[in-house]
């Protein structure tokens, strides 16, 4: 997984191209047009997924939960940092 060394800050911002409803608690729901703050980009088996938080201001009281989403439903609009690092992970899957 590629993340920023200080994991309290996002590494980039993206805008949702389409609505996405996650299949379980590991994933976040995203609405078309919504801004998503990206905190990690998975590699290897999970490379089609990024990790982030969907901005809730435009869509009511959506809670800010860090979760996975397919990178294909967003367009990266701004890189916020260049000092990212890779963290090895053995298993990115967990049970809800």
N, C-alpha and C. Protein backbone atom coordinates (compact mmCIF):
# COMPACT_ATOMS: atom_id res chain seq x y z
N UNK A 1 0.85 -1.17 0.00
CA UNK A 1 0.00 0.00 0.00
C UNK A 1 0.89 1.23 0.00
N UNK A 2 0.54 2.21 -0.81
CA UNK A 2 1.27 3.47 -0.83
C UNK A 2 0.53 4.46 0.05
N UNK A 3 1.21 5.01 1.03
CA UNK A 3 0.62 5.98 1.94
C UNK A 3 1.63 7.07 2.24
N UNK A 4 1.16 8.13 2.80
CA UNK A 4 2.06 9.18 3.27
C UNK A 4 2.62 8.76 4.61
N UNK A 5 3.85 9.16 4.88
CA UNK A 5 4.50 8.76 6.13
C UNK A 5 3.66 9.18 7.34
N UNK A 6 3.16 10.42 7.33
CA UNK A 6 2.26 10.89 8.37
C UNK A 6 0.85 10.57 7.89
N UNK A 7 0.29 9.48 8.33
CA UNK A 7 -0.97 9.01 7.78
C UNK A 7 -2.19 9.81 8.23
N UNK A 8 -2.01 10.95 8.85
CA UNK A 8 -3.15 11.76 9.23
C UNK A 8 -3.57 12.71 8.13
N UNK A 9 -2.76 12.82 7.08
CA UNK A 9 -3.05 13.72 5.96
C UNK A 9 -3.28 12.92 4.69
N UNK A 10 -4.23 13.35 3.86
CA UNK A 10 -4.45 12.64 2.60
C UNK A 10 -3.29 12.84 1.63
N UNK A 11 -3.12 11.89 0.70
CA UNK A 11 -2.07 12.01 -0.29
C UNK A 11 -2.58 12.65 -1.57
N UNK A 12 -3.90 12.63 -1.78
CA UNK A 12 -4.46 13.29 -2.96
C UNK A 12 -5.96 13.51 -2.77
N UNK A 13 -6.52 14.25 -3.72
CA UNK A 13 -7.97 14.48 -3.76
C UNK A 13 -8.49 13.96 -5.09
N UNK A 14 -9.70 13.42 -5.06
CA UNK A 14 -10.32 12.90 -6.28
C UNK A 14 -11.79 13.33 -6.30
N UNK A 15 -12.38 13.29 -7.48
CA UNK A 15 -13.80 13.60 -7.61
C UNK A 15 -14.50 12.38 -8.18
N UNK A 16 -15.64 12.03 -7.60
CA UNK A 16 -16.38 10.85 -8.02
C UNK A 16 -17.01 11.05 -9.40
N UNK A 17 -16.78 10.10 -10.29
CA UNK A 17 -17.35 10.12 -11.62
C UNK A 17 -18.72 9.48 -11.67
N UNK A 18 -19.02 8.66 -10.66
CA UNK A 18 -20.28 7.93 -10.61
C UNK A 18 -20.60 7.58 -9.16
N UNK A 19 -21.85 7.21 -8.91
CA UNK A 19 -22.22 6.70 -7.59
C UNK A 19 -21.58 5.33 -7.39
N UNK A 20 -21.23 5.04 -6.16
CA UNK A 20 -20.69 3.72 -5.82
C UNK A 20 -21.22 3.34 -4.45
N UNK A 21 -21.77 2.14 -4.33
CA UNK A 21 -22.23 1.61 -3.06
C UNK A 21 -21.36 0.41 -2.71
N UNK A 22 -20.67 0.51 -1.60
CA UNK A 22 -19.78 -0.56 -1.18
C UNK A 22 -20.54 -1.81 -0.77
N UNK A 23 -19.96 -2.99 -1.00
CA UNK A 23 -20.64 -4.24 -0.69
C UNK A 23 -20.69 -4.59 0.79
N UNK A 24 -19.79 -4.01 1.60
CA UNK A 24 -19.79 -4.29 3.04
C UNK A 24 -19.05 -3.18 3.78
N UNK A 25 -18.80 -3.37 5.06
CA UNK A 25 -18.27 -2.31 5.92
C UNK A 25 -16.83 -1.91 5.60
N UNK A 26 -16.12 -2.65 4.78
CA UNK A 26 -14.75 -2.28 4.42
C UNK A 26 -14.71 -1.15 3.41
N UNK A 27 -15.84 -0.89 2.75
CA UNK A 27 -15.93 0.05 1.65
C UNK A 27 -16.76 1.27 2.02
N UNK A 28 -16.49 2.39 1.35
CA UNK A 28 -17.30 3.59 1.56
C UNK A 28 -18.26 3.76 0.39
N UNK A 29 -19.34 4.47 0.64
CA UNK A 29 -20.29 4.84 -0.40
C UNK A 29 -19.89 6.21 -0.93
N UNK A 30 -20.01 6.37 -2.23
CA UNK A 30 -19.61 7.62 -2.87
C UNK A 30 -20.72 8.06 -3.81
N UNK A 31 -20.99 9.36 -3.86
CA UNK A 31 -21.98 9.93 -4.77
C UNK A 31 -21.26 10.69 -5.89
N UNK A 32 -21.80 10.61 -7.07
CA UNK A 32 -21.22 11.31 -8.22
C UNK A 32 -21.00 12.78 -7.88
N UNK A 33 -19.83 13.29 -8.22
CA UNK A 33 -19.48 14.69 -7.96
C UNK A 33 -18.84 14.92 -6.61
N UNK A 34 -18.93 13.97 -5.71
CA UNK A 34 -18.40 14.12 -4.36
C UNK A 34 -16.86 14.12 -4.38
N UNK A 35 -16.27 14.89 -3.49
CA UNK A 35 -14.82 14.92 -3.33
C UNK A 35 -14.42 13.79 -2.38
N UNK A 36 -13.38 13.07 -2.76
CA UNK A 36 -12.86 11.97 -1.94
C UNK A 36 -11.40 12.27 -1.62
N UNK A 37 -11.07 12.22 -0.34
CA UNK A 37 -9.69 12.40 0.11
C UNK A 37 -9.04 11.01 0.14
N UNK A 38 -7.97 10.86 -0.62
CA UNK A 38 -7.30 9.56 -0.76
C UNK A 38 -6.16 9.47 0.26
N UNK A 39 -6.18 8.41 1.07
CA UNK A 39 -5.16 8.19 2.09
C UNK A 39 -4.23 7.03 1.75
N UNK A 40 -4.64 6.17 0.84
CA UNK A 40 -3.80 5.05 0.47
C UNK A 40 -4.20 4.47 -0.88
N UNK A 41 -3.23 3.88 -1.55
CA UNK A 41 -3.46 3.23 -2.84
C UNK A 41 -2.90 1.82 -2.74
N UNK A 42 -3.77 0.85 -2.80
CA UNK A 42 -3.34 -0.53 -2.66
C UNK A 42 -2.57 -1.00 -3.88
N UNK A 43 -1.70 -1.96 -3.65
CA UNK A 43 -0.90 -2.54 -4.72
C UNK A 43 -1.16 -4.05 -4.73
N UNK A 44 -0.59 -4.72 -5.70
CA UNK A 44 -0.72 -6.17 -5.76
C UNK A 44 -2.14 -6.60 -6.03
N UNK A 45 -2.62 -7.57 -5.29
CA UNK A 45 -3.96 -8.13 -5.48
C UNK A 45 -5.05 -7.08 -5.36
N UNK A 46 -4.88 -6.09 -4.54
CA UNK A 46 -5.90 -5.06 -4.34
C UNK A 46 -5.69 -3.80 -5.13
N UNK A 47 -4.85 -3.82 -6.16
CA UNK A 47 -4.42 -2.61 -6.87
C UNK A 47 -5.54 -1.81 -7.51
N UNK A 48 -6.71 -2.38 -7.66
CA UNK A 48 -7.84 -1.65 -8.23
C UNK A 48 -8.56 -0.79 -7.20
N UNK A 49 -8.09 -0.82 -5.95
CA UNK A 49 -8.76 -0.10 -4.87
C UNK A 49 -7.86 0.93 -4.23
N UNK A 50 -8.48 2.03 -3.84
CA UNK A 50 -7.83 3.05 -3.04
C UNK A 50 -8.56 3.13 -1.72
N UNK A 51 -7.95 3.80 -0.75
CA UNK A 51 -8.53 3.97 0.57
C UNK A 51 -8.71 5.45 0.82
N UNK A 52 -9.90 5.83 1.32
CA UNK A 52 -10.12 7.24 1.56
C UNK A 52 -11.38 7.54 2.32
N UNK A 53 -11.68 8.83 2.34
CA UNK A 53 -12.86 9.37 3.03
C UNK A 53 -13.63 10.23 2.03
N UNK A 54 -14.93 10.00 1.93
CA UNK A 54 -15.76 10.82 1.07
C UNK A 54 -16.22 12.05 1.84
N UNK A 55 -16.07 13.21 1.23
CA UNK A 55 -16.48 14.46 1.88
C UNK A 55 -18.00 14.48 1.97
N UNK A 56 -18.53 14.71 3.16
CA UNK A 56 -19.96 14.63 3.37
C UNK A 56 -20.72 15.94 3.27
N UNK A 57 -20.04 17.07 3.08
CA UNK A 57 -20.70 18.37 3.10
C UNK A 57 -21.84 18.49 2.10
N UNK A 58 -21.69 17.92 0.93
CA UNK A 58 -22.69 18.10 -0.12
C UNK A 58 -23.84 17.12 -0.03
N UNK A 59 -23.70 16.11 0.84
CA UNK A 59 -24.69 15.05 0.87
C UNK A 59 -25.21 14.78 2.27
N UNK A 60 -25.39 15.83 3.04
CA UNK A 60 -26.02 15.69 4.35
C UNK A 60 -25.09 15.16 5.42
N UNK A 61 -25.63 14.37 6.28
CA UNK A 61 -24.93 13.92 7.48
C UNK A 61 -24.17 12.61 7.28
N UNK A 62 -23.54 12.42 6.17
CA UNK A 62 -22.76 11.21 5.95
C UNK A 62 -21.57 11.21 6.90
N UNK A 63 -21.38 10.11 7.61
CA UNK A 63 -20.26 10.06 8.55
C UNK A 63 -18.95 9.91 7.77
N UNK A 64 -17.88 10.40 8.37
CA UNK A 64 -16.58 10.30 7.72
C UNK A 64 -15.91 9.01 8.18
N UNK A 65 -15.94 8.02 7.33
CA UNK A 65 -15.38 6.71 7.62
C UNK A 65 -14.33 6.40 6.57
N UNK A 66 -13.17 5.95 7.02
CA UNK A 66 -12.11 5.56 6.11
C UNK A 66 -12.45 4.19 5.55
N UNK A 67 -12.44 4.07 4.23
CA UNK A 67 -12.76 2.80 3.62
C UNK A 67 -12.23 2.69 2.21
N UNK A 68 -12.42 1.55 1.62
CA UNK A 68 -11.95 1.26 0.28
C UNK A 68 -12.99 1.64 -0.77
N UNK A 69 -12.52 1.90 -1.98
CA UNK A 69 -13.39 2.16 -3.12
C UNK A 69 -12.60 1.88 -4.38
N UNK A 70 -13.27 1.51 -5.46
CA UNK A 70 -12.54 1.27 -6.71
C UNK A 70 -12.00 2.57 -7.28
N UNK A 71 -10.74 2.56 -7.68
CA UNK A 71 -10.14 3.78 -8.23
C UNK A 71 -10.81 4.17 -9.55
N UNK A 72 -11.53 3.25 -10.17
CA UNK A 72 -12.19 3.53 -11.45
C UNK A 72 -13.40 4.44 -11.32
N UNK A 73 -13.92 4.66 -10.09
CA UNK A 73 -15.10 5.51 -9.93
C UNK A 73 -14.73 6.95 -9.60
N UNK A 74 -13.43 7.24 -9.55
CA UNK A 74 -12.99 8.61 -9.25
C UNK A 74 -11.95 9.07 -10.27
N UNK A 75 -11.79 10.38 -10.34
CA UNK A 75 -10.73 11.01 -11.14
C UNK A 75 -9.88 11.81 -10.17
N UNK A 76 -8.60 11.49 -10.10
CA UNK A 76 -7.71 12.22 -9.21
C UNK A 76 -7.56 13.64 -9.74
N UNK A 77 -7.83 14.62 -8.87
CA UNK A 77 -7.81 16.01 -9.31
C UNK A 77 -6.63 16.80 -8.75
N UNK A 78 -6.04 16.31 -7.66
CA UNK A 78 -4.91 17.04 -7.08
C UNK A 78 -4.08 16.12 -6.20
N UNK A 79 -2.78 16.05 -6.48
CA UNK A 79 -1.88 15.35 -5.57
C UNK A 79 -1.48 16.33 -4.49
N UNK A 80 -1.56 15.90 -3.25
CA UNK A 80 -1.28 16.79 -2.14
C UNK A 80 0.13 16.63 -1.60
N UNK A 81 0.74 15.48 -1.82
CA UNK A 81 2.09 15.23 -1.32
C UNK A 81 2.87 14.38 -2.33
N UNK A 82 4.16 14.45 -2.21
CA UNK A 82 5.00 13.59 -3.04
C UNK A 82 5.82 12.62 -2.19
N UNK A 83 5.82 12.84 -0.88
CA UNK A 83 6.61 11.99 0.02
C UNK A 83 5.81 10.80 0.52
N UNK A 84 5.46 9.92 -0.39
CA UNK A 84 4.73 8.71 -0.02
C UNK A 84 5.70 7.57 0.20
N UNK A 85 5.24 6.58 0.95
CA UNK A 85 6.07 5.41 1.19
C UNK A 85 5.22 4.16 1.02
N UNK A 86 5.88 3.06 0.82
CA UNK A 86 5.16 1.81 0.68
C UNK A 86 5.21 1.06 2.00
N UNK A 87 4.03 0.56 2.41
CA UNK A 87 3.95 -0.24 3.62
C UNK A 87 3.59 -1.66 3.22
N UNK A 88 4.37 -2.63 3.62
CA UNK A 88 4.04 -4.01 3.27
C UNK A 88 2.81 -4.48 4.06
N UNK A 89 1.95 -5.18 3.39
CA UNK A 89 0.80 -5.79 4.06
C UNK A 89 0.73 -7.23 3.61
N UNK A 90 0.32 -8.09 4.52
CA UNK A 90 0.20 -9.51 4.21
C UNK A 90 -1.20 -9.80 3.71
N UNK A 91 -2.19 -9.19 4.33
CA UNK A 91 -3.58 -9.48 4.00
C UNK A 91 -4.39 -8.21 4.18
N UNK A 92 -4.93 -7.66 3.11
CA UNK A 92 -5.71 -6.42 3.20
C UNK A 92 -7.18 -6.68 3.47
N UNK A 93 -7.56 -7.93 3.58
CA UNK A 93 -8.95 -8.30 3.82
C UNK A 93 -9.19 -8.48 5.31
N UNK A 94 -10.38 -8.11 5.74
CA UNK A 94 -10.79 -8.37 7.13
C UNK A 94 -12.29 -8.56 7.13
N UNK A 95 -12.79 -9.06 8.23
CA UNK A 95 -14.22 -9.33 8.32
C UNK A 95 -14.93 -8.22 9.08
N UNK A 96 -16.12 -7.92 8.66
CA UNK A 96 -16.92 -6.86 9.29
C UNK A 96 -17.48 -7.35 10.62
